[in-house]
Amino acid sequence: MKNVNPIATQQFVDKADHFLQGMKLLNDDVKSYRSGVGLLAIHSAISLSDAIMVGLTRKRGRHQDHAQAARQLERICSDNKVDKKGIDHFRWLLGHKNAVAYQEVRFDDAAVKMAVDKAQRFMLGPILSSGRFCVYKRMLSPQQQESRAKTAVAELLGRELIVPKVFVEARWPDARHKVDVMAVDRSGSGEVHVVEVKVGTQPLAVIDKVVATIMRVPAHFKYLAIFDNRNYLPNERWLYAPDGMGRVGVIQVKENSAGHLSAEFRIRPERFRFDASFKLVDRFTAAHPAYIEIRP
């Protein structure tokens, strides 16, 4: 399959990426930029669609009828055996363009969250490639993004704690359980910190379920880390232990426009009761190689 206009295609790819990055930046303060976030989400998808159209036909879509534009893109992708995954997300975004830009209606928070999710999912969809050219670089899979988030969280704990040993995907407290990130302070002889990582937009019920799961893991300090999910914070009352002794901390993982990740505390944790024996901790640290460890 040949890209018939690679220069113009790349220009539209760049536009799509610029709109997408702008959407992510404004989404940090969605209450102030609600309509802007929605419009950038829509235009990122339109620009990607234009890139595919130009790459296959030399002409970008010019339909005023949004439904017709989506149908044309789907037909062209089918004719050229291009992955059609994501077309439904494109159709949804086009269907809300007038409401965002022109109509006297309010684009509420739920609609903004949906638009952001649809734009990102559409970017994972139609791919046009040849031996030397891709219309759009495929975004990392959710599993890859989760691994990146775990690394960012591990590095945060490595900086915050005193000479810790940090483990990723740790089978703690036994082989039947896996914790995304675990850190033992003071070179493996101190307090235990455990983190569950969630990537992408998740319903609040899912987030609260994750908090309930981490609550049962034996540790002095417990955290929920959220990546690319800025507007789905857990219900704060669920962060506290039933007896009030302990609060789950919240870590926010962010990605800047250059693709660099950073992690920071959104809500600081409070110490939980630790009923497990430190002998169990000693056996674990002796039997498992650390992901981050400072050697003397």
Protein backbone atom coordinates (compact mmCIF):
# COMPACT_ATOMS: atom_id res chain seq x y z
CA MET A 1 0.00 0.00 0.00
CA LYS A 2 1.43 3.35 -1.05
CA ASN A 3 1.07 6.72 0.61
CA VAL A 4 0.38 8.97 -2.38
CA ASN A 5 1.06 12.28 -0.61
CA PRO A 6 3.43 11.75 2.33
CA ILE A 7 4.31 15.44 2.82
CA ALA A 8 0.71 16.62 3.18
CA THR A 9 -0.09 13.56 5.24
CA GLN A 10 2.62 14.40 7.74
CA GLN A 11 1.35 17.96 8.00
CA PHE A 12 -2.08 16.70 9.05
CA VAL A 13 -0.48 14.18 11.42
CA ASP A 14 1.36 17.05 13.09
CA LYS A 15 -1.90 19.01 13.39
CA ALA A 16 -3.61 16.00 14.96
CA ASP A 17 -0.82 15.62 17.49
CA HIS A 18 -0.80 19.35 18.32
CA PHE A 19 -4.55 19.34 18.95
CA LEU A 20 -4.24 16.18 21.05
CA GLN A 21 -1.42 17.59 23.21
CA GLY A 22 -3.34 20.85 23.65
CA MET A 23 -6.37 18.85 24.74
CA LYS A 24 -4.31 17.05 27.38
CA LEU A 25 -2.84 20.27 28.74
CA LEU A 26 -6.19 22.05 29.06
CA ASN A 27 -7.74 18.95 30.55
CA ASP A 28 -5.65 19.58 33.67
CA ASP A 29 -8.12 22.39 34.44
CA VAL A 30 -11.23 21.10 32.75
CA LYS A 31 -13.61 23.42 34.60
CA SER A 32 -11.91 26.48 33.07
CA TYR A 33 -11.44 25.08 29.55
CA ARG A 34 -14.35 22.67 29.12
CA SER A 35 -15.38 23.73 25.60
CA GLY A 36 -11.76 24.15 24.50
CA VAL A 37 -10.94 20.61 25.58
CA GLY A 38 -13.93 19.25 23.67
CA LEU A 39 -13.14 21.20 20.50
CA LEU A 40 -9.47 20.16 20.53
CA ALA A 41 -10.51 16.53 20.95
CA ILE A 42 -12.78 16.79 17.93
CA HIS A 43 -10.22 18.58 15.74
CA SER A 44 -7.48 16.11 16.61
CA ALA A 45 -9.70 13.36 15.19
CA ILE A 46 -10.61 15.43 12.11
CA SER A 47 -6.93 16.10 11.36
CA LEU A 48 -6.06 12.41 11.67
CA SER A 49 -8.94 11.60 9.34
CA ASP A 50 -7.61 14.19 6.88
CA ALA A 51 -4.16 12.59 7.09
CA ILE A 52 -5.58 9.21 6.15
CA MET A 53 -7.69 10.67 3.33
CA VAL A 54 -4.75 12.61 1.89
CA GLY A 55 -2.45 9.61 2.16
CA LEU A 56 -4.85 7.37 0.26
CA THR A 57 -6.64 9.75 -2.16
CA ARG A 58 -4.54 12.99 -2.24
CA LYS A 59 -7.65 14.88 -1.02
CA ARG A 60 -8.87 15.53 2.49
CA GLY A 61 -12.53 15.26 3.44
CA ARG A 62 -14.66 18.34 2.77
CA HIS A 63 -18.07 17.12 3.87
CA GLN A 64 -20.26 19.51 5.86
CA ASP A 65 -22.40 16.50 6.80
CA HIS A 66 -20.42 14.95 9.64
CA ALA A 67 -22.09 11.56 9.36
CA GLN A 68 -21.16 11.44 5.65
CA ALA A 69 -17.53 12.24 6.50
CA ALA A 70 -17.36 9.28 8.88
CA ARG A 71 -18.97 6.98 6.31
CA GLN A 72 -16.48 8.09 3.64
CA LEU A 73 -13.54 7.44 5.92
CA GLU A 74 -14.89 3.99 6.78
CA ARG A 75 -15.42 3.16 3.09
CA ILE A 76 -11.93 4.29 2.08
CA CYS A 77 -10.33 2.36 4.92
CA SER A 78 -12.26 -0.76 3.88
CA ASP A 79 -11.25 -0.40 0.24
CA ASN A 80 -7.58 -0.04 1.17
CA LYS A 81 -7.52 -2.64 3.96
CA VAL A 82 -6.68 -0.03 6.59
CA ASP A 83 -7.60 -0.83 10.18
CA LYS A 84 -11.09 0.60 10.84
CA LYS A 85 -10.80 0.33 14.60
CA GLY A 86 -11.79 3.65 16.08
CA ILE A 87 -14.19 4.87 13.38
CA ASP A 88 -17.10 4.76 15.84
CA HIS A 89 -15.17 7.09 18.14
CA PHE A 90 -14.64 9.46 15.21
CA ARG A 91 -18.35 9.34 14.40
CA TRP A 92 -19.23 10.22 18.03
CA LEU A 93 -16.83 13.18 18.05
CA LEU A 94 -18.18 14.55 14.77
CA GLY A 95 -21.71 14.19 16.07
CA HIS A 96 -20.90 16.55 18.97
CA LYS A 97 -19.01 19.22 17.04
CA ASN A 98 -21.99 21.55 16.60
CA ALA A 99 -22.96 21.22 20.26
CA VAL A 100 -19.45 22.20 21.35
CA ALA A 101 -18.79 25.02 18.88
CA TYR A 102 -22.09 26.53 17.78
CA GLN A 103 -25.19 25.50 19.71
CA GLU A 104 -26.55 27.15 22.83
CA VAL A 105 -25.99 24.09 24.97
CA ARG A 106 -23.53 23.38 27.77
CA PHE A 107 -20.88 20.74 27.14
CA ASP A 108 -20.85 19.21 30.63
CA ASP A 109 -18.01 17.44 32.46
CA ALA A 110 -19.25 13.97 31.55
CA ALA A 111 -19.30 14.88 27.85
CA VAL A 112 -15.78 16.34 28.09
CA LYS A 113 -14.46 13.15 29.68
CA MET A 114 -16.11 11.13 26.93
CA ALA A 115 -14.63 13.38 24.21
CA VAL A 116 -11.11 13.02 25.62
CA ASP A 117 -11.50 9.26 25.82
CA LYS A 118 -12.90 9.04 22.27
CA ALA A 119 -10.10 11.20 20.82
CA GLN A 120 -7.42 9.05 22.42
CA ARG A 121 -9.08 5.84 21.33
CA PHE A 122 -9.45 7.10 17.76
CA MET A 123 -5.70 7.79 17.71
CA LEU A 124 -5.19 4.09 18.45
CA GLY A 125 -7.30 3.14 15.44
CA PRO A 126 -6.80 3.75 11.70
CA ILE A 127 -3.23 3.07 10.65
CA LEU A 128 -1.86 3.56 7.14
CA SER A 129 1.68 2.38 6.57
CA SER A 130 4.10 1.53 3.82
CA GLY A 131 7.66 0.30 3.85
CA ARG A 132 8.95 3.71 4.92
CA PHE A 133 6.02 5.74 6.18
CA CYS A 134 3.28 5.71 8.78
CA VAL A 135 0.35 8.11 8.80
CA TYR A 136 0.29 8.14 12.59
CA LYS A 137 2.61 6.47 15.03
CA ARG A 138 0.64 3.91 16.97
CA MET A 139 0.31 4.94 20.59
CA LEU A 140 1.59 2.62 23.26
CA SER A 141 -0.69 -0.14 24.43
CA PRO A 142 -2.41 0.15 27.83
CA GLN A 143 0.03 -2.47 29.15
CA GLN A 144 3.02 -0.41 28.00
CA GLN A 145 1.55 2.75 29.50
CA GLU A 146 0.94 0.97 32.78
CA SER A 147 4.56 -0.20 32.86
CA ARG A 148 5.74 3.37 32.27
CA ALA A 149 3.50 4.59 35.09
CA LYS A 150 4.90 1.93 37.44
CA THR A 151 8.42 3.11 36.65
CA ALA A 152 7.48 6.74 37.38
CA VAL A 153 5.92 5.72 40.70
CA ALA A 154 8.94 3.57 41.60
CA GLU A 155 11.24 6.51 40.95
CA LEU A 156 9.05 8.80 43.09
CA LEU A 157 9.26 6.41 46.04
CA GLY A 158 12.98 6.01 45.42
CA ARG A 159 13.38 9.77 45.90
CA GLU A 160 10.97 10.17 48.80
CA LEU A 161 12.07 7.30 51.04
CA ILE A 162 15.36 6.70 52.86
CA VAL A 163 17.55 4.32 50.84
CA PRO A 164 14.59 2.10 49.87
CA LYS A 165 14.36 -1.16 48.02
CA VAL A 166 11.66 -0.80 45.36
CA PHE A 167 9.95 -3.76 43.68
CA VAL A 168 7.64 -3.82 40.64
CA GLU A 169 4.84 -6.39 40.23
CA ALA A 170 5.75 -7.82 43.60
CA ARG A 171 4.12 -11.03 44.81
CA TRP A 172 3.35 -9.60 48.23
CA PRO A 173 2.40 -10.85 50.75
CA ASP A 174 2.35 -14.25 49.02
CA ALA A 175 2.47 -15.79 45.55
CA ARG A 176 -1.29 -15.41 45.06
CA HIS A 177 -1.17 -11.62 45.22
CA LYS A 178 0.61 -9.08 43.06
CA VAL A 179 1.23 -5.45 43.96
CA ASP A 180 2.10 -3.05 41.13
CA VAL A 181 4.81 -1.25 43.12
CA MET A 182 6.18 -2.06 46.56
CA ALA A 183 8.91 -0.25 48.48
CA VAL A 184 10.58 -1.15 51.74
CA ASP A 185 12.25 1.79 53.44
CA ARG A 186 15.74 1.85 54.99
CA SER A 187 17.35 -0.65 52.67
CA GLY A 188 14.65 -3.24 53.18
CA SER A 189 14.43 -3.08 56.97
CA GLY A 190 11.87 -0.28 57.39
CA GLU A 191 8.25 0.48 56.61
CA VAL A 192 6.36 -1.10 53.73
CA HIS A 193 4.76 1.06 51.00
CA VAL A 194 2.45 -0.48 48.37
CA VAL A 195 0.92 1.11 45.26
CA GLU A 196 -1.79 0.09 42.80
CA VAL A 197 -1.60 1.78 39.38
CA LYS A 198 -4.57 2.58 37.15
CA VAL A 199 -4.18 3.87 33.60
CA GLY A 200 -6.81 5.59 31.47
CA THR A 201 -10.35 6.74 32.09
CA GLN A 202 -12.09 4.49 34.58
CA PRO A 203 -15.53 4.75 36.19
CA LEU A 204 -15.50 5.83 39.81
CA ALA A 205 -16.86 2.43 40.82
CA VAL A 206 -13.73 0.78 39.39
CA ILE A 207 -11.43 3.24 41.17
CA ASP A 208 -13.22 2.68 44.48
CA LYS A 209 -12.90 -1.09 43.99
CA VAL A 210 -9.14 -0.71 43.50
CA VAL A 211 -8.95 1.33 46.71
CA ALA A 212 -10.84 -1.43 48.55
CA THR A 213 -8.37 -4.00 47.21
CA ILE A 214 -5.25 -2.08 48.25
CA MET A 215 -6.82 -1.50 51.67
CA ARG A 216 -6.53 -5.24 52.36
CA VAL A 217 -2.81 -5.49 51.54
CA PRO A 218 -0.58 -5.45 54.65
CA ALA A 219 1.55 -2.28 54.57
CA HIS A 220 2.31 0.79 56.62
CA PHE A 221 1.50 3.15 53.74
CA LYS A 222 -0.78 2.51 50.77
CA TYR A 223 -1.33 4.45 47.56
CA LEU A 224 -3.44 4.61 44.42
CA ALA A 225 -1.53 5.95 41.39
CA ILE A 226 -3.56 7.42 38.53
CA PHE A 227 -2.14 7.99 35.05
CA ASP A 228 -3.95 9.82 32.23
CA ASN A 229 -7.10 9.85 34.33
CA ARG A 230 -7.09 13.35 35.83
CA ASN A 231 -10.82 13.78 36.35
CA TYR A 232 -11.59 10.44 37.98
CA LEU A 233 -10.36 10.84 41.53
CA PRO A 234 -11.64 8.36 44.11
CA ASN A 235 -14.31 9.24 46.61
CA GLU A 236 -12.16 10.64 49.43
CA ARG A 237 -14.20 9.03 52.19
CA TRP A 238 -13.24 5.60 50.80
CA LEU A 239 -9.54 6.38 51.28
CA TYR A 240 -9.78 6.01 55.07
CA ALA A 241 -9.42 2.74 56.97
CA PRO A 242 -12.68 1.54 58.56
CA ASP A 243 -11.26 2.23 62.03
CA GLY A 244 -9.86 5.59 60.93
CA MET A 245 -6.24 4.52 61.39
CA GLY A 246 -4.78 4.95 57.91
CA ARG A 247 -5.56 6.78 54.69
CA VAL A 248 -4.70 5.69 51.14
CA GLY A 249 -2.57 8.26 49.37
CA VAL A 250 -3.15 9.31 45.76
CA ILE A 251 -0.27 9.72 43.31
CA GLN A 252 -0.80 11.59 40.03
CA VAL A 253 1.33 10.48 37.06
CA LYS A 254 1.56 13.04 34.27
CA GLU A 255 3.10 13.14 30.80
CA ASN A 256 4.34 16.40 29.31
CA SER A 257 4.33 17.39 25.63
CA ALA A 258 7.82 15.87 25.19
CA GLY A 259 6.59 12.50 26.43
CA HIS A 260 8.35 12.62 29.80
CA LEU A 261 6.55 11.20 32.82
CA SER A 262 6.49 12.65 36.31
CA ALA A 263 4.76 11.49 39.48
CA GLU A 264 3.67 13.58 42.45
CA PHE A 265 1.51 13.18 45.54
CA ARG A 266 -2.05 14.41 45.08
CA ILE A 267 -3.12 13.22 48.54
CA ARG A 268 -0.55 12.25 51.17
CA PRO A 269 -1.06 8.87 52.89
CA GLU A 270 -1.56 8.25 56.59
CA ARG A 271 -0.07 5.30 58.41
CA PHE A 272 -2.06 2.04 58.57
CA ARG A 273 -1.85 -0.66 61.21
CA PHE A 274 0.71 -3.29 60.17
CA ASP A 275 -0.28 -6.69 61.51
CA ALA A 276 2.20 -8.76 59.48
CA SER A 277 5.52 -9.86 60.93
CA PHE A 278 8.69 -8.10 59.86
CA LYS A 279 10.15 -11.58 59.37
CA LEU A 280 7.80 -11.88 56.37
CA VAL A 281 9.26 -8.62 55.00
CA ASP A 282 12.81 -9.85 55.56
CA ARG A 283 12.10 -13.11 53.74
CA PHE A 284 10.56 -11.23 50.82
CA THR A 285 13.43 -8.76 50.38
CA ALA A 286 15.98 -11.57 50.64
CA ALA A 287 14.24 -13.71 48.02
CA HIS A 288 13.34 -11.05 45.39
CA PRO A 289 15.67 -8.77 43.41
CA ALA A 290 14.79 -5.09 43.74
CA TYR A 291 13.87 -2.93 40.75
CA ILE A 292 15.52 0.09 42.40
CA GLU A 293 18.18 -0.40 45.05
CA ILE A 294 21.08 1.73 46.25
CA ARG A 295 24.15 -0.43 46.70
CA PRO A 296 26.84 0.45 49.27
